[in-house]
C-alpha atoms as a PDB file:
ATOM      1  CA  MET A   1      23.878  95.863 113.098  1.00  0.00           C
ATOM      2  CA  ILE A   2      26.397  98.051 111.399  1.00  0.00           C
ATOM      3  CA  ASN A   3      25.887  98.610 107.768  1.00  0.00           C
ATOM      4  CA  SER A   4      29.058  98.112 105.750  1.00  0.00           C
ATOM      5  CA  PRO A   5      29.893 100.697 103.158  1.00  0.00           C
ATOM      6  CA  PRO A   6      28.767  99.913  99.729  1.00  0.00           C
ATOM      7  CA  PHE A   7      31.324  98.203  97.473  1.00  0.00           C
ATOM      8  CA  ILE A   8      32.643 100.640  94.915  1.00  0.00           C
ATOM      9  CA  THR A   9      33.742  99.256  91.605  1.00  0.00           C
ATOM     10  CA  ILE A  10      36.507 101.199  89.824  1.00  0.00           C
ATOM     11  CA  PRO A  11      36.430 100.841  86.065  1.00  0.00           C
ATOM     12  CA  ILE A  12      39.375  99.006  84.499  1.00  0.00           C
ATOM     13  CA  SER A  13      40.404 102.053  82.456  1.00  0.00           C
ATOM     14  CA  THR A  14      40.665 104.154  85.612  1.00  0.00           C
ATOM     15  CA  ARG A  15      42.738 101.498  87.386  1.00  0.00           C
ATOM     16  CA  LEU A  16      45.131 101.344  84.435  1.00  0.00           C
ATOM     17  CA  THR A  17      45.439 105.095  84.490  1.00  0.00           C
ATOM     18  CA  LEU A  18      46.345 105.093  88.176  1.00  0.00           C
ATOM     19  CA  ARG A  19      48.898 102.347  87.678  1.00  0.00           C
ATOM     20  CA  CYS A  20      50.471 104.290  84.778  1.00  0.00           C
ATOM     21  CA  LYS A  21      50.680 107.432  86.899  1.00  0.00           C
ATOM     22  CA  ARG A  22      52.332 105.529  89.744  1.00  0.00           C
ATOM     23  CA  ALA A  23      54.765 104.006  87.233  1.00  0.00           C
ATOM     24  CA  GLN A  24      55.487 107.428  85.763  1.00  0.00           C
ATOM     25  CA  HIS A  25      56.197 108.852  89.213  1.00  0.00           C
ATOM     26  CA  LYS A  26      58.525 105.948  89.952  1.00  0.00           C
ATOM     27  CA  SER A  27      60.222 106.412  86.582  1.00  0.00           C
ATOM     28  CA  LEU A  28      60.673 110.132  87.260  1.00  0.00           C
ATOM     29  CA  ARG A  29      62.228 109.381  90.634  1.00  0.00           C
ATOM     30  CA  ILE A  30      64.655 106.935  88.997  1.00  0.00           C
ATOM     31  CA  SER A  31      65.473 109.453  86.231  1.00  0.00           C
ATOM     32  CA  TRP A  32      66.222 112.166  88.741  1.00  0.00           C
ATOM     33  CA  HIS A  33      68.422 109.747  90.668  1.00  0.00           C
ATOM     34  CA  TRP A  34      70.417 109.041  87.512  1.00  0.00           C
ATOM     35  CA  ILE A  35      70.675 112.735  86.669  1.00  0.00           C
ATOM     36  CA  LEU A  36      71.964 113.573  90.155  1.00  0.00           C
ATOM     37  CA  LEU A  37      74.391 110.649  90.030  1.00  0.00           C
ATOM     38  CA  SER A  38      75.649 111.791  86.599  1.00  0.00           C
ATOM     39  CA  ILE A  39      76.167 115.333  87.872  1.00  0.00           C
ATOM     40  CA  LEU A  40      78.136 114.051  90.847  1.00  0.00           C
ATOM     41  CA  VAL A  41      80.309 111.825  88.622  1.00  0.00           C
ATOM     42  CA  LEU A  42      80.989 114.620  86.124  1.00  0.00           C
ATOM     43  CA  THR A  43      81.816 117.034  88.938  1.00  0.00           C
ATOM     44  CA  ALA A  44      84.254 114.547  90.423  1.00  0.00           C
ATOM     45  CA  LEU A  45      85.915 113.974  87.060  1.00  0.00           C
ATOM     46  CA  ASN A  46      86.189 117.710  86.478  1.00  0.00           C
ATOM     47  CA  LEU A  47      87.784 118.238  89.876  1.00  0.00           C
ATOM     48  CA  LYS A  48      90.173 115.379  89.153  1.00  0.00           C
ATOM     49  CA  ALA A  49      91.094 116.940  85.800  1.00  0.00           C
ATOM     50  CA  GLN A  50      91.761 120.264  87.499  1.00  0.00           C
ATOM     51  CA  GLU A  51      94.058 118.545  89.967  1.00  0.00           C
ATOM     52  CA  THR A  52      96.068 116.921  87.161  1.00  0.00           C
ATOM     53  CA  PRO A  53      98.929 119.293  86.211  1.00  0.00           C
ATOM     54  CA  ARG A  54      99.347 120.292  82.583  1.00  0.00           C
ATOM     55  CA  PHE A  55     102.652 119.638  80.884  1.00  0.00           C
ATOM     56  CA  GLU A  56     104.853 122.706  80.705  1.00  0.00           C
ATOM     57  CA  ILE A  57     108.381 123.098  79.411  1.00  0.00           C
ATOM     58  CA  PRO A  58     110.550 123.568  82.516  1.00  0.00           C
ATOM     59  CA  ARG A  59     111.955 127.045  83.214  1.00  0.00           C
ATOM     60  CA  SER A  60     109.949 128.579  80.372  1.00  0.00           C
ATOM     61  CA  GLN A  61     107.572 131.492  80.069  1.00  0.00           C
ATOM     62  CA  VAL A  62     105.777 133.548  77.429  1.00  0.00           C
ATOM     63  CA  ILE A  63     105.864 137.341  77.303  1.00  0.00           C
ATOM     64  CA  ASN A  64     104.355 139.683  74.713  1.00  0.00           C
ATOM     65  CA  ILE A  65     106.170 142.579  73.088  1.00  0.00           C
ATOM     66  CA  LYS A  66     104.204 145.302  71.341  1.00  0.00           C
ATOM     67  CA  VAL A  67     105.378 147.123  68.249  1.00  0.00           C
ATOM     68  CA  PRO A  68     103.472 150.433  68.379  1.00  0.00           C
ATOM     69  CA  ASP A  69     104.694 151.654  64.995  1.00  0.00           C
ATOM     70  CA  LEU A  70     103.381 148.530  63.288  1.00  0.00           C
ATOM     71  CA  GLN A  71     100.385 148.032  65.598  1.00  0.00           C
ATOM     72  CA  ARG A  72     101.471 144.454  66.205  1.00  0.00           C
ATOM     73  CA  GLU A  73     102.288 142.286  69.174  1.00  0.00           C
ATOM     74  CA  TYR A  74     104.608 139.287  69.142  1.00  0.00           C
ATOM     75  CA  PRO A  75     104.810 136.576  71.832  1.00  0.00           C
ATOM     76  CA  LEU A  76     108.287 135.483  72.894  1.00  0.00           C
ATOM     77  CA  PHE A  77     108.787 131.948  74.217  1.00  0.00           C
ATOM     78  CA  ILE A  78     111.724 132.024  76.633  1.00  0.00           C
ATOM     79  CA  LYS A  79     113.521 129.123  78.296  1.00  0.00           C
ATOM     80  CA  LEU A  80     116.337 129.543  80.806  1.00  0.00           C
ATOM     81  CA  PRO A  81     119.215 127.080  81.337  1.00  0.00           C
ATOM     82  CA  ARG A  82     119.040 124.646  84.246  1.00  0.00           C
ATOM     83  CA  SER A  83     121.993 126.309  85.992  1.00  0.00           C
ATOM     84  CA  TYR A  84     120.585 129.829  85.611  1.00  0.00           C
ATOM     85  CA  ASP A  85     119.372 130.276  89.208  1.00  0.00           C
ATOM     86  CA  ARG A  86     122.362 128.526  90.767  1.00  0.00           C
ATOM     87  CA  HIS A  87     125.064 130.546  89.013  1.00  0.00           C
ATOM     88  CA  LYS A  88     123.910 134.123  89.309  1.00  0.00           C
ATOM     89  CA  GLU A  89     127.310 135.418  88.282  1.00  0.00           C
ATOM     90  CA  LYS A  90     127.152 133.660  84.913  1.00  0.00           C
ATOM     91  CA  SER A  91     125.887 135.037  81.602  1.00  0.00           C
ATOM     92  CA  TYR A  92     124.680 132.906  78.697  1.00  0.00           C
ATOM     93  CA  PRO A  93     124.567 132.963  74.900  1.00  0.00           C
ATOM     94  CA  VAL A  94     121.124 133.341  73.357  1.00  0.00           C
ATOM     95  CA  ILE A  95     119.599 131.154  70.658  1.00  0.00           C
ATOM     96  CA  TYR A  96     116.908 132.991  68.676  1.00  0.00           C
ATOM     97  CA  LEU A  97     114.368 130.824  66.874  1.00  0.00           C
ATOM     98  CA  MET A  98     111.992 131.756  64.091  1.00  0.00           C
ATOM     99  CA  ASP A  99     108.623 129.928  63.823  1.00  0.00           C
ATOM    100  CA  ALA A 100     108.457 129.542  67.601  1.00  0.00           C
ATOM    101  CA  TRP A 101     105.326 127.356  67.707  1.00  0.00           C
ATOM    102  CA  TYR A 102     107.201 124.728  65.714  1.00  0.00           C
ATOM    103  CA  SER A 103     110.838 125.231  66.606  1.00  0.00           C
ATOM    104  CA  PHE A 104     110.715 126.049  70.328  1.00  0.00           C
ATOM    105  CA  GLN A 105     109.476 122.630  71.427  1.00  0.00           C
ATOM    106  CA  ILE A 106     111.909 120.822  69.139  1.00  0.00           C
ATOM    107  CA  VAL A 107     114.988 122.776  70.205  1.00  0.00           C
ATOM    108  CA  SER A 108     114.024 122.703  73.885  1.00  0.00           C
ATOM    109  CA  GLY A 109     113.623 118.930  73.844  1.00  0.00           C
ATOM    110  CA  ALA A 110     116.639 118.197  71.653  1.00  0.00           C
ATOM    111  CA  THR A 111     119.030 120.269  73.768  1.00  0.00           C
ATOM    112  CA  ARG A 112     117.743 119.173  77.178  1.00  0.00           C
ATOM    113  CA  PHE A 113     119.987 116.098  77.564  1.00  0.00           C
ATOM    114  CA  PRO A 114     123.229 117.460  76.030  1.00  0.00           C
ATOM    115  CA  MET A 115     122.955 120.767  77.923  1.00  0.00           C
ATOM    116  CA  ASN A 116     121.991 119.157  81.236  1.00  0.00           C
ATOM    117  CA  THR A 117     124.841 116.657  81.017  1.00  0.00           C
ATOM    118  CA  GLY A 118     127.498 119.192  80.085  1.00  0.00           C
ATOM    119  CA  LYS A 119     127.974 117.910  76.543  1.00  0.00           C
ATOM    120  CA  MET A 120     126.678 121.167  75.091  1.00  0.00           C
ATOM    121  CA  GLN A 121     127.151 124.724  76.300  1.00  0.00           C
ATOM    122  CA  GLU A 122     124.030 126.000  78.047  1.00  0.00           C
ATOM    123  CA  ALA A 123     122.116 128.840  76.431  1.00  0.00           C
ATOM    124  CA  ILE A 124     118.969 130.919  76.784  1.00  0.00           C
ATOM    125  CA  ILE A 125     116.434 129.867  74.153  1.00  0.00           C
ATOM    126  CA  VAL A 126     114.109 132.520  72.717  1.00  0.00           C
ATOM    127  CA  GLY A 127     111.418 131.647  70.195  1.00  0.00           C
ATOM    128  CA  ILE A 128     109.792 134.545  68.345  1.00  0.00           C
ATOM    129  CA  SER A 129     106.211 133.649  67.512  1.00  0.00           C
ATOM    130  CA  TYR A 130     103.844 135.059  64.888  1.00  0.00           C
ATOM    131  CA  SER A 131     102.123 138.400  65.373  1.00  0.00           C
ATOM    132  CA  LYS A 132      98.992 138.037  67.496  1.00  0.00           C
ATOM    133  CA  GLY A 133      95.690 138.147  65.659  1.00  0.00           C
ATOM    134  CA  SER A 134      97.152 136.944  62.354  1.00  0.00           C
ATOM    135  CA  LYS A 135      97.441 133.475  60.930  1.00  0.00           C
ATOM    136  CA  GLY A 136     100.859 131.863  61.043  1.00  0.00           C
ATOM    137  CA  PRO A 137     101.345 131.706  57.270  1.00  0.00           C
ATOM    138  CA  SER A 138     100.449 135.355  56.706  1.00  0.00           C
ATOM    139  CA  SER A 139     102.710 136.537  59.542  1.00  0.00           C
ATOM    140  CA  ARG A 140     105.751 134.514  58.538  1.00  0.00           C
ATOM    141  CA  ILE A 141     105.456 135.170  54.791  1.00  0.00           C
ATOM    142  CA  ARG A 142     105.194 138.909  55.425  1.00  0.00           C
ATOM    143  CA  ASP A 143     108.023 138.995  57.987  1.00  0.00           C
ATOM    144  CA  TYR A 144     110.493 136.498  56.528  1.00  0.00           C
ATOM    145  CA  THR A 145     110.599 137.737  52.913  1.00  0.00           C
ATOM    146  CA  HIS A 146     112.826 140.675  51.989  1.00  0.00           C
ATOM    147  CA  ILE A 147     111.274 141.711  48.691  1.00  0.00           C
ATOM    148  CA  GLU A 148     107.701 142.009  47.453  1.00  0.00           C
ATOM    149  CA  ASP A 149     106.268 139.349  45.195  1.00  0.00           C
ATOM    150  CA  THR A 150     102.719 140.135  44.093  1.00  0.00           C
ATOM    151  CA  THR A 151     102.137 136.606  42.816  1.00  0.00           C
ATOM    152  CA  TRP A 152     101.802 135.361  46.382  1.00  0.00           C
ATOM    153  CA  LYS A 153      98.458 135.134  48.170  1.00  0.00           C
ATOM    154  CA  TYR A 154      99.781 136.827  51.317  1.00  0.00           C
ATOM    155  CA  LYS A 155     101.677 140.097  51.701  1.00  0.00           C
ATOM    156  CA  THR A 156     105.426 139.771  51.220  1.00  0.00           C
ATOM    157  CA  GLY A 157     108.566 141.857  51.539  1.00  0.00           C
ATOM    158  CA  LYS A 158     108.450 143.234  55.105  1.00  0.00           C
ATOM    159  CA  ALA A 159     111.595 141.579  56.483  1.00  0.00           C
ATOM    160  CA  ASN A 160     113.268 144.905  57.214  1.00  0.00           C
ATOM    161  CA  ASP A 161     110.408 145.944  59.508  1.00  0.00           C
ATOM    162  CA  TYR A 162     110.625 142.604  61.277  1.00  0.00           C
ATOM    163  CA  LEU A 163     114.387 142.773  61.720  1.00  0.00           C
ATOM    164  CA  SER A 164     114.098 146.311  63.098  1.00  0.00           C
ATOM    165  CA  PHE A 165     111.614 144.980  65.632  1.00  0.00           C
ATOM    166  CA  ILE A 166     114.091 142.274  66.698  1.00  0.00           C
ATOM    167  CA  LYS A 167     116.971 144.758  67.004  1.00  0.00           C
ATOM    168  CA  GLN A 168     115.043 147.535  68.699  1.00  0.00           C
ATOM    169  CA  SER A 169     112.672 145.537  70.915  1.00  0.00           C
ATOM    170  CA  VAL A 170     113.589 141.864  71.293  1.00  0.00           C
ATOM    171  CA  PHE A 171     117.342 142.185  71.856  1.00  0.00           C
ATOM    172  CA  PRO A 172     117.007 145.013  74.405  1.00  0.00           C
ATOM    173  CA  TYR A 173     114.286 143.174  76.322  1.00  0.00           C
ATOM    174  CA  ILE A 174     116.237 139.923  76.570  1.00  0.00           C
ATOM    175  CA  GLU A 175     119.506 141.642  77.456  1.00  0.00           C
ATOM    176  CA  LYS A 176     117.832 143.819  80.099  1.00  0.00           C
ATOM    177  CA  HIS A 177     115.818 141.123  81.872  1.00  0.00           C
ATOM    178  CA  TYR A 178     118.166 138.130  81.562  1.00  0.00           C
ATOM    179  CA  ARG A 179     121.879 137.490  81.935  1.00  0.00           C
ATOM    180  CA  ALA A 180     122.579 137.292  78.235  1.00  0.00           C
ATOM    181  CA  ASN A 181     126.088 137.710  76.892  1.00  0.00           C
ATOM    182  CA  ASP A 182     126.963 139.108  73.476  1.00  0.00           C
ATOM    183  CA  SER A 183     126.726 135.775  71.604  1.00  0.00           C
ATOM    184  CA  ARG A 184     123.607 135.459  69.456  1.00  0.00           C
ATOM    185  CA  THR A 185     122.639 132.502  67.297  1.00  0.00           C
ATOM    186  CA  PHE A 186     119.941 132.623  64.617  1.00  0.00           C
ATOM    187  CA  ILE A 187     117.911 129.532  63.705  1.00  0.00           C
ATOM    188  CA  GLY A 188     115.465 129.626  60.804  1.00  0.00           C
ATOM    189  CA  ASN A 189     113.911 126.996  58.574  1.00  0.00           C
ATOM    190  CA  SER A 190     112.497 127.286  55.046  1.00  0.00           C
ATOM    191  CA  LEU A 191     111.428 130.955  54.731  1.00  0.00           C
ATOM    192  CA  GLY A 192     113.125 131.414  58.102  1.00  0.00           C
ATOM    193  CA  GLY A 193     116.316 130.171  56.438  1.00  0.00           C
ATOM    194  CA  LEU A 194     115.786 132.721  53.676  1.00  0.00           C
ATOM    195  CA  LEU A 195     115.512 135.435  56.330  1.00  0.00           C
ATOM    196  CA  GLY A 196     118.774 134.287  57.918  1.00  0.00           C
ATOM    197  CA  ALA A 197     120.542 134.404  54.553  1.00  0.00           C
ATOM    198  CA  TYR A 198     119.232 137.926  54.002  1.00  0.00           C
ATOM    199  CA  VAL A 199     120.609 139.037  57.381  1.00  0.00           C
ATOM    200  CA  LEU A 200     123.980 137.500  56.538  1.00  0.00           C
ATOM    201  CA  PHE A 201     124.218 139.523  53.339  1.00  0.00           C
ATOM    202  CA  THR A 202     122.898 142.825  54.698  1.00  0.00           C
ATOM    203  CA  ASP A 203     123.601 142.991  58.450  1.00  0.00           C
ATOM    204  CA  PRO A 204     125.810 140.016  59.350  1.00  0.00           C
ATOM    205  CA  LYS A 205     126.856 141.388  62.752  1.00  0.00           C
ATOM    206  CA  MET A 206     123.270 141.103  63.961  1.00  0.00           C
ATOM    207  CA  PHE A 207     124.065 137.479  64.888  1.00  0.00           C
ATOM    208  CA  ASN A 208     127.305 135.616  65.529  1.00  0.00           C
ATOM    209  CA  ASN A 209     126.147 132.227  64.333  1.00  0.00           C
ATOM    210  CA  TYR A 210     123.509 131.015  61.891  1.00  0.00           C
ATOM    211  CA  ILE A 211     121.665 127.714  61.473  1.00  0.00           C
ATOM    212  CA  LEU A 212     119.765 127.756  58.191  1.00  0.00           C
ATOM    213  CA  GLY A 213     117.497 124.800  57.527  1.00  0.00           C
ATOM    214  CA  SER A 214     116.249 124.138  53.990  1.00  0.00           C
ATOM    215  CA  PRO A 215     116.651 127.845  53.132  1.00  0.00           C
ATOM    216  CA  SER A 216     114.129 129.090  50.564  1.00  0.00           C
ATOM    217  CA  VAL A 217     116.719 131.062  48.602  1.00  0.00           C
ATOM    218  CA  TRP A 218     114.665 130.352  45.446  1.00  0.00           C
ATOM    219  CA  PHE A 219     112.217 133.091  46.520  1.00  0.00           C
ATOM    220  CA  LYS A 220     111.750 135.772  43.827  1.00  0.00           C
ATOM    221  CA  ASP A 221     114.101 134.054  41.380  1.00  0.00           C
ATOM    222  CA  TYR A 222     116.981 133.639  43.880  1.00  0.00           C
ATOM    223  CA  ASP A 223     117.016 137.377  44.561  1.00  0.00           C
ATOM    224  CA  VAL A 224     118.773 136.970  47.934  1.00  0.00           C
ATOM    225  CA  LEU A 225     121.791 135.383  46.260  1.00  0.00           C
ATOM    226  CA  ASN A 226     122.094 138.378  43.941  1.00  0.00           C
ATOM    227  CA  ILE A 227     122.394 140.916  46.765  1.00  0.00           C
ATOM    228  CA  LYS A 228     125.718 142.735  46.504  1.00  0.00           C
ATOM    229  CA  THR A 229     127.561 142.365  49.774  1.00  0.00           C
ATOM    230  CA  GLU A 230     130.444 144.221  51.313  1.00  0.00           C
ATOM    231  CA  PRO A 231     133.492 142.216  52.474  1.00  0.00           C
ATOM    232  CA  ASN A 232     132.673 140.723  55.868  1.00  0.00           C
ATOM    233  CA  LEU A 233     135.740 140.247  58.061  1.00  0.00           C
ATOM    234  CA  ASN A 234     133.761 139.266  61.153  1.00  0.00           C
ATOM    235  CA  LYS A 235     133.983 135.743  62.496  1.00  0.00           C
ATOM    236  CA  HIS A 236     130.844 133.728  61.911  1.00  0.00           C
ATOM    237  CA  LYS A 237     129.859 130.084  61.864  1.00  0.00           C
ATOM    238  CA  VAL A 238     127.084 129.170  59.438  1.00  0.00           C
ATOM    239  CA  PHE A 239     125.460 125.740  59.439  1.00  0.00           C
ATOM    240  CA  ILE A 240     123.282 124.915  56.427  1.00  0.00           C
ATOM    241  CA  ALA A 241     121.256 121.711  56.203  1.00  0.00           C
ATOM    242  CA  VAL A 242     118.755 120.314  53.742  1.00  0.00           C
ATOM    243  CA  GLY A 243     116.956 117.013  53.237  1.00  0.00           C
ATOM    244  CA  SER A 244     118.283 114.874  50.410  1.00  0.00           C
ATOM    245  CA  ASN A 245     114.708 114.441  49.130  1.00  0.00           C
ATOM    246  CA  GLU A 246     114.019 118.175  48.849  1.00  0.00           C
ATOM    247  CA  THR A 247     114.099 118.180  45.065  1.00  0.00           C
ATOM    248  CA  PRO A 248     111.314 118.476  42.475  1.00  0.00           C
ATOM    249  CA  GLN A 249     111.738 114.833  41.603  1.00  0.00           C
ATOM    250  CA  LEU A 250     111.358 113.525  45.154  1.00  0.00           C
ATOM    251  CA  ASP A 251     109.566 116.078  47.328  1.00  0.00           C
ATOM    252  CA  SER A 252     109.294 119.805  46.653  1.00  0.00           C
ATOM    253  CA  PRO A 253     106.770 120.484  43.865  1.00  0.00           C
ATOM    254  CA  SER A 254     108.735 123.176  42.048  1.00  0.00           C
ATOM    255  CA  HIS A 255     111.811 124.209  44.053  1.00  0.00           C
ATOM    256  CA  ASP A 256     115.142 122.425  44.300  1.00  0.00           C
ATOM    257  CA  MET A 257     116.058 123.095  47.934  1.00  0.00           C
ATOM    258  CA  VAL A 258     119.220 120.988  47.647  1.00  0.00           C
ATOM    259  CA  GLU A 259     120.511 123.103  44.786  1.00  0.00           C
ATOM    260  CA  GLY A 260     119.584 126.282  46.681  1.00  0.00           C
ATOM    261  CA  ALA A 261     121.517 125.171  49.764  1.00  0.00           C
ATOM    262  CA  LYS A 262     124.578 124.430  47.625  1.00  0.00           C
ATOM    263  CA  ARG A 263     124.396 127.823  45.940  1.00  0.00           C
ATOM    264  CA  LEU A 264     124.139 129.550  49.321  1.00  0.00           C
ATOM    265  CA  GLU A 265     127.151 127.650  50.619  1.00  0.00           C
ATOM    266  CA  SER A 266     129.090 128.609  47.508  1.00  0.00           C
ATOM    267  CA  LYS A 267     128.400 132.327  47.950  1.00  0.00           C
ATOM    268  CA  LEU A 268     129.391 132.248  51.617  1.00  0.00           C
ATOM    269  CA  SER A 269     132.584 130.364  50.845  1.00  0.00           C
ATOM    270  CA  LYS A 270     133.935 133.024  48.512  1.00  0.00           C
ATOM    271  CA  GLY A 271     136.450 135.756  49.387  1.00  0.00           C
ATOM    272  CA  LEU A 272     133.834 138.178  50.755  1.00  0.00           C
ATOM    273  CA  PHE A 273     133.547 136.026  53.907  1.00  0.00           C
ATOM    274  CA  PRO A 274     137.139 135.046  54.720  1.00  0.00           C
ATOM    275  CA  ASN A 275     136.513 134.519  58.445  1.00  0.00           C
ATOM    276  CA  THR A 276     133.216 132.667  58.095  1.00  0.00           C
ATOM    277  CA  LYS A 277     133.173 128.936  58.656  1.00  0.00           C
ATOM    278  CA  VAL A 278     130.472 127.207  56.640  1.00  0.00           C
ATOM    279  CA  LYS A 279     129.216 123.656  56.988  1.00  0.00           C
ATOM    280  CA  LEU A 280     126.646 122.051  54.691  1.00  0.00           C
ATOM    281  CA  LEU A 281     124.816 118.901  55.765  1.00  0.00           C
ATOM    282  CA  THR A 282     122.598 116.886  53.441  1.00  0.00           C
ATOM    283  CA  ILE A 283     120.245 114.803  55.578  1.00  0.00           C
ATOM    284  CA  GLN A 284     119.740 111.472  53.875  1.00  0.00           C
ATOM    285  CA  GLY A 285     116.125 110.390  53.419  1.00  0.00           C
ATOM    286  CA  ALA A 286     114.692 113.618  54.829  1.00  0.00           C
ATOM    287  CA  ASN A 287     112.110 115.782  53.075  1.00  0.00           C
ATOM    288  CA  HIS A 288     111.014 119.351  53.716  1.00  0.00           C
ATOM    289  CA  GLU A 289     108.672 118.367  56.534  1.00  0.00           C
ATOM    290  CA  THR A 290     111.138 116.178  58.436  1.00  0.00           C
ATOM    291  CA  ALA A 291     114.582 117.727  58.007  1.00  0.00           C
ATOM    292  CA  PHE A 292     114.419 120.485  60.623  1.00  0.00           C
ATOM    293  CA  PRO A 293     114.810 118.495  63.876  1.00  0.00           C
ATOM    294  CA  THR A 294     118.079 117.032  62.582  1.00  0.00           C
ATOM    295  CA  THR A 295     119.142 120.436  61.276  1.00  0.00           C
ATOM    296  CA  ALA A 296     118.608 122.048  64.666  1.00  0.00           C
ATOM    297  CA  ILE A 297     120.380 119.531  66.894  1.00  0.00           C
ATOM    298  CA  GLN A 298     123.287 118.883  64.514  1.00  0.00           C
ATOM    299  CA  GLY A 299     123.788 122.594  63.989  1.00  0.00           C
ATOM    300  CA  LEU A 300     123.688 123.355  67.713  1.00  0.00           C
ATOM    301  CA  ASP A 301     126.068 120.492  68.421  1.00  0.00           C
ATOM    302  CA  TRP A 302     128.505 121.960  65.886  1.00  0.00           C
ATOM    303  CA  LEU A 303     128.229 125.405  67.481  1.00  0.00           C
ATOM    304  CA  PHE A 304     127.982 124.609  71.203  1.00  0.00           C
ATOM    305  CA  LYS A 305     129.589 121.211  71.700  1.00  0.00           C
ATOM    306  CA  VAL A 306     131.816 121.067  74.759  1.00  0.00           C
ATOM    307  CA  GLU A 307     135.061 119.343  73.851  1.00  0.00           C
END
C-alpha cells in the first residue's frame, strides 16, 4: 500500500498573496504591451510627419549678410520670378521690402497671380529682415529712424548706418548673384514708411520707386518733413497709402497718420520734385494693422501693371 502524501493546507492570506502576485505580473505584461504599442504608434506618426512636406514659398531662399563694422547680421528673403530659369537672357527689377517677416509673405502672395498671368511685370522680391539676435521692435526702431529720440524705450536714430548697409552690402550682393536690372522699388510701412520718406529727401536716387504705407512722419515732431532738400530732377513714382481710420479719434492713440500722409504728399508735390509722380490712396475702413496688404498690391499694380 502506497502512502499518499499528506494534505498541505495553505493559509488563506498566502493564497491571496499568490493571486495578487499573479495578477500583478499579468498587469505588468499588459502595461508593457501598451507601452510598446504606444511607442510603435508614435514612431509611425513621427515618420509620417517627416514625410509630409512643409509649406515653402516657391523659388525662395534665405541668405545671411554680415555687417562687420556693426557686428550685425541680417537675413535676406529672396524670391525669383517664375520665368527666371526659362529666360536666362532677361534681367528683372527688384522690389526691396522692409519688415521682411511681415511683408515678404504678403507681397509674395499678392503678386503671384498678377505676375504669373502677365498682368504685372515680373520682379525679384527681396525682404530685408531684422538683425539676428535682436528683437524685431528694437531692430526696426533703431534702423528705421533717422534722428535720436531719447524718450523711446529702444535705441533710435541709426537709419544712416542701415542705409549704408543696404547700399554697400545688399545691393551689390543681389546685383552680383541675380539678373537684376537698375530698377529698384522701396516698400516700407509705418516706421518703414518714415525710412522711405527720409531716403526720398536725402538720397532719392537710391531707389526709383517708393511705396510708403501709413508713413510715421510724425516721428520727432515731424522732423523728416522739415529736412531741407535739394531740387530733385530725377524721375520717380511715389505711392502713399493710409487707412481712413488711422486717426486719434478712430484708431491711432496719439498720431494722425492720415494727416501725416497728406503732409508728405504735399511736400513731394511741390516744385522741388518736378519729375516725381505722387499718388495718395486713403483705404476706406482700414486701420493701422490692416492697411498694408492693400497698400502693397495697389502700389505695385500702379508701378508694374502691364497695359
